[in-house]
Amino acid sequence: MQNKLGEYLRELRGNRSLREIAELTGLSHTYIADVENGYRRGTNKPIKPSPETLRKLARALKVNYGEFLDKAGYLEGFTDEEKRQIIDNSQLMFNLDSAIEFFIDIFKKDYPFADNLDRDLFVAIENVSKKSGAKVKIKISVTDSRENNYKKIYDTVCSVEKVQIKVALLEALKEIAKKYHLWSDPKQSLFIKENPDPFTNEKEFLSEIDLSDEELMQRYKVMVDGRELTEKEWKKLLAFLRMERDLD
């Protein structure tokens, strides 16, 4: 029997060790090895991770959760159209999570106004939670590092499963970033074309947003505050823009 999930996971892991993936996901490296092999060691029985485990893998490896569900066999019995809708919805959630991560990475730095920023963030999350009726509770520790606490915030926000609530949380993050002048709308003129023709209309870029990340990075460069974005920042920005387009 073909082990689609194991082959997919091994391909995504690439040259990274099992222990690296274990650290990212919170799963044991032996369990991840079993998933890749398709059976539990010691029993040789087939292994099928739960949807929640697949969600952890997808989030850590930054891929579409729906693809993991499909490879694990959870979409068997669905029509091709139903599968496509599930995977498309999962892609939207993935893009939202990527956009949230973009802001969390900005917020977690040590600014002179960090305490005020943190307070505004908690108030914003609480307000969205109250308005939506969702239970979005952030548990942080005063003895833990700022970076670790922000990881907990990211994990909690990304665990929200309703698109509307996650969108509201993302909008709240945007407003905080604007308030502290940490971010400006990327739809404004950020893009500089590498060829001599001036890039005068950002719609031209957005019309090509479905090209691969690599193709877009070759065609354009993005400057923010006089600095060109790194490859990691580039990819987060692209995920954010694709999410914005899907919500329009």
C-alpha atoms as a PDB file:
ATOM      1  CA  MET A   1       0.000   0.000   0.000  1.00  0.00           C
ATOM      2  CA  GLN A   2       1.385   3.394  -0.986  1.00  0.00           C
ATOM      3  CA  ASN A   3       2.373   5.600   1.947  1.00  0.00           C
ATOM      4  CA  LYS A   4       1.373   8.988   0.504  1.00  0.00           C
ATOM      5  CA  LEU A   5       1.539  10.833   3.821  1.00  0.00           C
ATOM      6  CA  GLY A   6       4.961   9.452   4.733  1.00  0.00           C
ATOM      7  CA  GLU A   7       6.404  10.261   1.320  1.00  0.00           C
ATOM      8  CA  TYR A   8       4.942  13.784   1.453  1.00  0.00           C
ATOM      9  CA  LEU A   9       6.300  14.398   4.959  1.00  0.00           C
ATOM     10  CA  ARG A  10       9.759  13.108   4.025  1.00  0.00           C
ATOM     11  CA  GLU A  11       9.785  15.369   0.958  1.00  0.00           C
ATOM     12  CA  LEU A  12       8.834  18.413   3.055  1.00  0.00           C
ATOM     13  CA  ARG A  13      11.446  17.613   5.692  1.00  0.00           C
ATOM     14  CA  GLY A  14      14.187  17.578   3.076  1.00  0.00           C
ATOM     15  CA  ASN A  15      17.645  17.735   4.627  1.00  0.00           C
ATOM     16  CA  ARG A  16      16.384  18.664   8.069  1.00  0.00           C
ATOM     17  CA  SER A  17      16.749  16.088  10.813  1.00  0.00           C
ATOM     18  CA  LEU A  18      13.839  14.359  12.517  1.00  0.00           C
ATOM     19  CA  ARG A  19      14.805  16.127  15.746  1.00  0.00           C
ATOM     20  CA  GLU A  20      14.528  19.532  14.061  1.00  0.00           C
ATOM     21  CA  ILE A  21      10.983  18.763  12.927  1.00  0.00           C
ATOM     22  CA  ALA A  22      10.192  17.355  16.369  1.00  0.00           C
ATOM     23  CA  GLU A  23      11.254  20.633  17.971  1.00  0.00           C
ATOM     24  CA  LEU A  24       9.074  22.625  15.565  1.00  0.00           C
ATOM     25  CA  THR A  25       5.982  20.481  16.080  1.00  0.00           C
ATOM     26  CA  GLY A  26       6.215  19.341  19.685  1.00  0.00           C
ATOM     27  CA  LEU A  27       5.990  15.724  18.479  1.00  0.00           C
ATOM     28  CA  SER A  28       8.650  13.120  19.222  1.00  0.00           C
ATOM     29  CA  HIS A  29      11.229  12.394  16.540  1.00  0.00           C
ATOM     30  CA  THR A  30      10.456   8.673  16.798  1.00  0.00           C
ATOM     31  CA  TYR A  31       6.768   9.335  16.106  1.00  0.00           C
ATOM     32  CA  ILE A  32       7.625  11.458  13.072  1.00  0.00           C
ATOM     33  CA  ALA A  33       9.871   8.656  11.804  1.00  0.00           C
ATOM     34  CA  ASP A  34       6.966   6.221  12.217  1.00  0.00           C
ATOM     35  CA  VAL A  35       4.696   8.527  10.195  1.00  0.00           C
ATOM     36  CA  GLU A  36       7.281   8.712   7.430  1.00  0.00           C
ATOM     37  CA  ASN A  37       7.599   4.917   7.409  1.00  0.00           C
ATOM     38  CA  GLY A  38       3.831   4.412   7.538  1.00  0.00           C
ATOM     39  CA  TYR A  39       3.731   2.052  10.525  1.00  0.00           C
ATOM     40  CA  ARG A  40       4.361   1.984  14.260  1.00  0.00           C
ATOM     41  CA  ARG A  41       7.659   0.470  15.249  1.00  0.00           C
ATOM     42  CA  GLY A  42       7.341  -2.636  17.373  1.00  0.00           C
ATOM     43  CA  THR A  43       3.849  -3.483  16.096  1.00  0.00           C
ATOM     44  CA  ASN A  44       4.216  -2.888  12.340  1.00  0.00           C
ATOM     45  CA  LYS A  45       0.619  -1.652  12.333  1.00  0.00           C
ATOM     46  CA  PRO A  46      -0.330   1.178   9.921  1.00  0.00           C
ATOM     47  CA  ILE A  47      -0.206   4.628  11.487  1.00  0.00           C
ATOM     48  CA  LYS A  48      -2.736   7.373  10.804  1.00  0.00           C
ATOM     49  CA  PRO A  49      -2.096  10.654  12.661  1.00  0.00           C
ATOM     50  CA  SER A  50      -5.088  12.530  14.046  1.00  0.00           C
ATOM     51  CA  PRO A  51      -6.247  15.722  12.285  1.00  0.00           C
ATOM     52  CA  GLU A  52      -4.824  17.765  15.193  1.00  0.00           C
ATOM     53  CA  THR A  53      -1.401  16.130  14.741  1.00  0.00           C
ATOM     54  CA  LEU A  54      -1.569  16.855  11.015  1.00  0.00           C
ATOM     55  CA  ARG A  55      -2.397  20.477  11.826  1.00  0.00           C
ATOM     56  CA  LYS A  56       0.758  20.717  13.974  1.00  0.00           C
ATOM     57  CA  LEU A  57       2.852  19.302  11.137  1.00  0.00           C
ATOM     58  CA  ALA A  58       1.279  21.598   8.561  1.00  0.00           C
ATOM     59  CA  ARG A  59       1.776  24.705  10.686  1.00  0.00           C
ATOM     60  CA  ALA A  60       5.384  23.869  11.515  1.00  0.00           C
ATOM     61  CA  LEU A  61       6.267  22.993   7.921  1.00  0.00           C
ATOM     62  CA  LYS A  62       4.235  25.943   6.570  1.00  0.00           C
ATOM     63  CA  VAL A  63       2.104  23.989   4.138  1.00  0.00           C
ATOM     64  CA  ASN A  64      -1.605  23.613   3.410  1.00  0.00           C
ATOM     65  CA  TYR A  65      -3.341  21.568   6.132  1.00  0.00           C
ATOM     66  CA  GLY A  66      -5.821  20.286   3.531  1.00  0.00           C
ATOM     67  CA  GLU A  67      -2.999  18.618   1.619  1.00  0.00           C
ATOM     68  CA  PHE A  68      -2.046  16.691   4.760  1.00  0.00           C
ATOM     69  CA  LEU A  69      -5.672  15.614   5.276  1.00  0.00           C
ATOM     70  CA  ASP A  70      -5.807  14.379   1.690  1.00  0.00           C
ATOM     71  CA  LYS A  71      -2.507  12.490   1.886  1.00  0.00           C
ATOM     72  CA  ALA A  72      -3.573  10.870   5.190  1.00  0.00           C
ATOM     73  CA  GLY A  73      -6.789   9.573   3.641  1.00  0.00           C
ATOM     74  CA  TYR A  74      -9.240  11.783   5.528  1.00  0.00           C
ATOM     75  CA  LEU A  75     -10.769  13.074   2.278  1.00  0.00           C
ATOM     76  CA  GLU A  76     -11.564   9.648   0.865  1.00  0.00           C
ATOM     77  CA  GLY A  77     -15.213   9.460  -0.193  1.00  0.00           C
ATOM     78  CA  PHE A  78     -15.371  13.162  -1.023  1.00  0.00           C
ATOM     79  CA  THR A  79     -15.939  14.250  -4.611  1.00  0.00           C
ATOM     80  CA  ASP A  80     -13.121  16.044  -6.434  1.00  0.00           C
ATOM     81  CA  GLU A  81     -15.052  19.320  -6.086  1.00  0.00           C
ATOM     82  CA  GLU A  82     -15.505  18.815  -2.334  1.00  0.00           C
ATOM     83  CA  LYS A  83     -11.816  18.015  -1.964  1.00  0.00           C
ATOM     84  CA  ARG A  84     -10.896  21.152  -3.892  1.00  0.00           C
ATOM     85  CA  GLN A  85     -13.090  23.302  -1.629  1.00  0.00           C
ATOM     86  CA  ILE A  86     -11.572  21.802   1.519  1.00  0.00           C
ATOM     87  CA  ILE A  87      -8.028  22.316   0.252  1.00  0.00           C
ATOM     88  CA  ASP A  88      -8.834  25.868  -0.930  1.00  0.00           C
ATOM     89  CA  ASN A  89     -10.305  26.752   2.476  1.00  0.00           C
ATOM     90  CA  SER A  90      -7.248  25.289   4.150  1.00  0.00           C
ATOM     91  CA  GLN A  91      -5.049  27.417   1.890  1.00  0.00           C
ATOM     92  CA  LEU A  92      -6.919  30.535   3.017  1.00  0.00           C
ATOM     93  CA  MET A  93      -6.309  29.585   6.660  1.00  0.00           C
ATOM     94  CA  PHE A  94      -2.650  28.939   5.852  1.00  0.00           C
ATOM     95  CA  ASN A  95      -2.361  32.403   4.291  1.00  0.00           C
ATOM     96  CA  LEU A  96      -4.037  33.962   7.327  1.00  0.00           C
ATOM     97  CA  ASP A  97      -1.626  32.164   9.654  1.00  0.00           C
ATOM     98  CA  SER A  98       1.323  33.366   7.563  1.00  0.00           C
ATOM     99  CA  ALA A  99       0.064  36.944   7.755  1.00  0.00           C
ATOM    100  CA  ILE A 100      -0.393  36.649  11.534  1.00  0.00           C
ATOM    101  CA  GLU A 101       3.140  35.282  11.853  1.00  0.00           C
ATOM    102  CA  PHE A 102       4.369  38.289   9.840  1.00  0.00           C
ATOM    103  CA  PHE A 103       3.000  40.680  12.499  1.00  0.00           C
ATOM    104  CA  ILE A 104       4.022  38.539  15.470  1.00  0.00           C
ATOM    105  CA  ASP A 105       7.607  38.591  14.192  1.00  0.00           C
ATOM    106  CA  ILE A 106       7.416  42.389  14.096  1.00  0.00           C
ATOM    107  CA  PHE A 107       5.857  42.753  17.544  1.00  0.00           C
ATOM    108  CA  LYS A 108       8.190  40.446  19.470  1.00  0.00           C
ATOM    109  CA  LYS A 109      11.236  42.666  19.072  1.00  0.00           C
ATOM    110  CA  ASP A 110      12.519  44.700  22.011  1.00  0.00           C
ATOM    111  CA  TYR A 111      11.183  48.191  21.372  1.00  0.00           C
ATOM    112  CA  PRO A 112      11.274  51.082  23.888  1.00  0.00           C
ATOM    113  CA  PHE A 113       7.469  50.992  23.721  1.00  0.00           C
ATOM    114  CA  ALA A 114       7.244  47.194  24.025  1.00  0.00           C
ATOM    115  CA  ASP A 115       5.155  47.241  27.223  1.00  0.00           C
ATOM    116  CA  ASN A 116       2.535  49.505  25.652  1.00  0.00           C
ATOM    117  CA  LEU A 117       2.499  47.418  22.482  1.00  0.00           C
ATOM    118  CA  ASP A 118       1.980  44.226  24.491  1.00  0.00           C
ATOM    119  CA  ARG A 119      -0.859  45.816  26.433  1.00  0.00           C
ATOM    120  CA  ASP A 120      -2.574  46.967  23.236  1.00  0.00           C
ATOM    121  CA  LEU A 121      -2.176  43.491  21.755  1.00  0.00           C
ATOM    122  CA  PHE A 122      -3.832  41.761  24.715  1.00  0.00           C
ATOM    123  CA  VAL A 123      -6.667  44.296  24.764  1.00  0.00           C
ATOM    124  CA  ALA A 124      -7.226  43.824  21.014  1.00  0.00           C
ATOM    125  CA  ILE A 125      -7.340  40.028  21.308  1.00  0.00           C
ATOM    126  CA  GLU A 126      -9.711  40.293  24.270  1.00  0.00           C
ATOM    127  CA  ASN A 127     -12.018  42.646  22.347  1.00  0.00           C
ATOM    128  CA  VAL A 128     -12.177  40.329  19.340  1.00  0.00           C
ATOM    129  CA  SER A 129     -12.813  37.400  21.665  1.00  0.00           C
ATOM    130  CA  LYS A 130     -15.727  39.193  23.369  1.00  0.00           C
ATOM    131  CA  LYS A 131     -17.322  40.418  20.121  1.00  0.00           C
ATOM    132  CA  SER A 132     -17.101  37.030  18.441  1.00  0.00           C
ATOM    133  CA  GLY A 133     -17.981  34.908  21.440  1.00  0.00           C
ATOM    134  CA  ALA A 134     -14.819  32.891  20.876  1.00  0.00           C
ATOM    135  CA  LYS A 135     -12.604  31.793  23.737  1.00  0.00           C
ATOM    136  CA  VAL A 136      -9.190  33.117  22.759  1.00  0.00           C
ATOM    137  CA  LYS A 137      -7.174  32.927  25.971  1.00  0.00           C
ATOM    138  CA  ILE A 138      -3.475  33.731  25.984  1.00  0.00           C
ATOM    139  CA  LYS A 139      -1.407  32.114  28.726  1.00  0.00           C
ATOM    140  CA  ILE A 140       2.012  33.681  29.193  1.00  0.00           C
ATOM    141  CA  SER A 141       4.608  33.569  31.939  1.00  0.00           C
ATOM    142  CA  VAL A 142       6.385  36.567  33.450  1.00  0.00           C
ATOM    143  CA  THR A 143       9.467  34.380  33.865  1.00  0.00           C
ATOM    144  CA  ASP A 144       9.505  33.287  30.240  1.00  0.00           C
ATOM    145  CA  SER A 145      11.297  35.159  27.469  1.00  0.00           C
ATOM    146  CA  ARG A 146       9.438  37.674  25.344  1.00  0.00           C
ATOM    147  CA  GLU A 147      10.067  35.536  22.265  1.00  0.00           C
ATOM    148  CA  ASN A 148       8.605  32.407  23.888  1.00  0.00           C
ATOM    149  CA  ASN A 149       5.547  34.324  25.077  1.00  0.00           C
ATOM    150  CA  TYR A 150       4.968  35.615  21.580  1.00  0.00           C
ATOM    151  CA  LYS A 151       5.222  32.065  20.263  1.00  0.00           C
ATOM    152  CA  LYS A 152       2.391  31.147  22.656  1.00  0.00           C
ATOM    153  CA  ILE A 153       0.379  34.094  21.335  1.00  0.00           C
ATOM    154  CA  TYR A 154       0.950  32.957  17.751  1.00  0.00           C
ATOM    155  CA  ASP A 155       0.002  29.349  18.525  1.00  0.00           C
ATOM    156  CA  THR A 156      -3.170  30.450  20.322  1.00  0.00           C
ATOM    157  CA  VAL A 157      -4.311  32.844  17.589  1.00  0.00           C
ATOM    158  CA  CYS A 158      -3.575  30.311  14.851  1.00  0.00           C
ATOM    159  CA  SER A 159      -5.573  27.646  16.703  1.00  0.00           C
ATOM    160  CA  VAL A 160      -8.749  29.630  15.964  1.00  0.00           C
ATOM    161  CA  GLU A 161     -10.667  27.674  13.332  1.00  0.00           C
ATOM    162  CA  LYS A 162     -13.281  30.214  12.183  1.00  0.00           C
ATOM    163  CA  VAL A 163     -12.130  32.347   9.263  1.00  0.00           C
ATOM    164  CA  GLN A 164     -14.152  35.413  10.309  1.00  0.00           C
ATOM    165  CA  ILE A 165     -12.618  35.467  13.793  1.00  0.00           C
ATOM    166  CA  LYS A 166      -9.108  34.955  12.472  1.00  0.00           C
ATOM    167  CA  VAL A 167      -9.629  37.785   9.975  1.00  0.00           C
ATOM    168  CA  ALA A 168     -10.805  40.052  12.810  1.00  0.00           C
ATOM    169  CA  LEU A 169      -7.702  39.171  14.813  1.00  0.00           C
ATOM    170  CA  LEU A 170      -5.498  39.916  11.822  1.00  0.00           C
ATOM    171  CA  GLU A 171      -7.170  43.296  11.304  1.00  0.00           C
ATOM    172  CA  ALA A 172      -6.500  44.093  14.967  1.00  0.00           C
ATOM    173  CA  LEU A 173      -2.813  43.248  14.499  1.00  0.00           C
ATOM    174  CA  LYS A 174      -2.673  45.542  11.466  1.00  0.00           C
ATOM    175  CA  GLU A 175      -4.066  48.464  13.449  1.00  0.00           C
ATOM    176  CA  ILE A 176      -1.535  47.983  16.235  1.00  0.00           C
ATOM    177  CA  ALA A 177       1.317  47.808  13.725  1.00  0.00           C
ATOM    178  CA  LYS A 178       0.104  51.031  12.111  1.00  0.00           C
ATOM    179  CA  LYS A 179      -0.276  52.749  15.483  1.00  0.00           C
ATOM    180  CA  TYR A 180       3.387  52.145  16.334  1.00  0.00           C
ATOM    181  CA  HIS A 181       4.570  52.853  12.774  1.00  0.00           C
ATOM    182  CA  LEU A 182       5.867  49.311  12.387  1.00  0.00           C
ATOM    183  CA  TRP A 183       3.998  48.566   9.177  1.00  0.00           C
ATOM    184  CA  SER A 184       2.355  50.253   6.228  1.00  0.00           C
ATOM    185  CA  ASP A 185      -0.047  48.744   3.719  1.00  0.00           C
ATOM    186  CA  PRO A 186       1.985  46.664   1.227  1.00  0.00           C
ATOM    187  CA  LYS A 187      -0.560  47.479  -1.478  1.00  0.00           C
ATOM    188  CA  GLN A 188       0.960  50.941  -1.562  1.00  0.00           C
ATOM    189  CA  SER A 189       3.984  51.615  -3.737  1.00  0.00           C
ATOM    190  CA  LEU A 190       6.566  49.240  -2.303  1.00  0.00           C
ATOM    191  CA  PHE A 191       7.562  47.516  -5.482  1.00  0.00           C
ATOM    192  CA  ILE A 192      10.500  48.450  -7.673  1.00  0.00           C
ATOM    193  CA  LYS A 193      10.824  46.705 -11.010  1.00  0.00           C
ATOM    194  CA  GLU A 194      14.296  45.489 -11.933  1.00  0.00           C
ATOM    195  CA  ASN A 195      13.996  46.473 -15.609  1.00  0.00           C
ATOM    196  CA  PRO A 196      14.179  50.112 -16.818  1.00  0.00           C
ATOM    197  CA  ASP A 197      10.405  50.501 -17.122  1.00  0.00           C
ATOM    198  CA  PRO A 198       8.993  52.111 -13.973  1.00  0.00           C
ATOM    199  CA  PHE A 199       6.600  49.949 -12.004  1.00  0.00           C
ATOM    200  CA  THR A 200       3.784  52.451 -11.696  1.00  0.00           C
ATOM    201  CA  ASN A 201       0.823  50.259 -10.873  1.00  0.00           C
ATOM    202  CA  GLU A 202       0.832  47.730  -8.058  1.00  0.00           C
ATOM    203  CA  LYS A 203      -2.094  45.959  -9.766  1.00  0.00           C
ATOM    204  CA  GLU A 204       0.416  44.662 -12.297  1.00  0.00           C
ATOM    205  CA  PHE A 205       2.262  42.919  -9.493  1.00  0.00           C
ATOM    206  CA  LEU A 206      -0.919  41.608  -7.904  1.00  0.00           C
ATOM    207  CA  SER A 207      -2.046  40.217 -11.273  1.00  0.00           C
ATOM    208  CA  GLU A 208       1.083  38.044 -11.233  1.00  0.00           C
ATOM    209  CA  ILE A 209       0.720  36.955  -7.618  1.00  0.00           C
ATOM    210  CA  ASP A 210       0.016  33.336  -8.603  1.00  0.00           C
ATOM    211  CA  LEU A 211       3.484  32.951 -10.055  1.00  0.00           C
ATOM    212  CA  SER A 212       5.853  31.006  -7.834  1.00  0.00           C
ATOM    213  CA  ASP A 213       7.642  32.845  -5.023  1.00  0.00           C
ATOM    214  CA  GLU A 214      10.935  32.298  -6.824  1.00  0.00           C
ATOM    215  CA  GLU A 215       9.661  33.848 -10.082  1.00  0.00           C
ATOM    216  CA  LEU A 216       8.311  36.899  -8.271  1.00  0.00           C
ATOM    217  CA  MET A 217      11.539  37.380  -6.317  1.00  0.00           C
ATOM    218  CA  GLN A 218      13.494  37.272  -9.568  1.00  0.00           C
ATOM    219  CA  ARG A 219      11.253  39.849 -11.272  1.00  0.00           C
ATOM    220  CA  TYR A 220      10.853  42.304  -8.410  1.00  0.00           C
ATOM    221  CA  LYS A 221      12.547  43.531  -5.316  1.00  0.00           C
ATOM    222  CA  VAL A 222      10.714  45.051  -2.366  1.00  0.00           C
ATOM    223  CA  MET A 223      12.047  47.920  -0.317  1.00  0.00           C
ATOM    224  CA  VAL A 224      10.703  48.806   3.132  1.00  0.00           C
ATOM    225  CA  ASP A 225      12.202  51.756   4.982  1.00  0.00           C
ATOM    226  CA  GLY A 226      15.066  51.793   2.485  1.00  0.00           C
ATOM    227  CA  ARG A 227      15.947  48.130   3.063  1.00  0.00           C
ATOM    228  CA  GLU A 228      15.364  45.243   0.709  1.00  0.00           C
ATOM    229  CA  LEU A 229      13.360  42.401   2.242  1.00  0.00           C
ATOM    230  CA  THR A 230      15.033  39.101   3.050  1.00  0.00           C
ATOM    231  CA  GLU A 231      13.795  35.921   1.373  1.00  0.00           C
ATOM    232  CA  LYS A 232      11.866  34.927   4.523  1.00  0.00           C
ATOM    233  CA  GLU A 233      10.226  38.367   4.774  1.00  0.00           C
ATOM    234  CA  TRP A 234       9.438  38.220   1.049  1.00  0.00           C
ATOM    235  CA  LYS A 235       7.590  34.912   1.382  1.00  0.00           C
ATOM    236  CA  LYS A 236       5.575  36.117   4.358  1.00  0.00           C
ATOM    237  CA  LEU A 237       4.602  39.249   2.442  1.00  0.00           C
ATOM    238  CA  LEU A 238       3.498  37.182  -0.566  1.00  0.00           C
ATOM    239  CA  ALA A 239       1.380  34.943   1.657  1.00  0.00           C
ATOM    240  CA  PHE A 240      -0.162  38.059   3.196  1.00  0.00           C
ATOM    241  CA  LEU A 241      -0.986  39.584  -0.198  1.00  0.00           C
ATOM    242  CA  ARG A 242      -2.519  36.349  -1.480  1.00  0.00           C
ATOM    243  CA  MET A 243      -4.671  36.198   1.633  1.00  0.00           C
ATOM    244  CA  GLU A 244      -5.779  39.822   1.133  1.00  0.00           C
ATOM    245  CA  ARG A 245      -6.725  39.063  -2.466  1.00  0.00           C
ATOM    246  CA  ASP A 246      -8.753  36.001  -1.430  1.00  0.00           C
ATOM    247  CA  LEU A 247     -10.696  38.060   1.113  1.00  0.00           C
ATOM    248  CA  ASP A 248     -11.533  40.915  -1.290  1.00  0.00           C
END
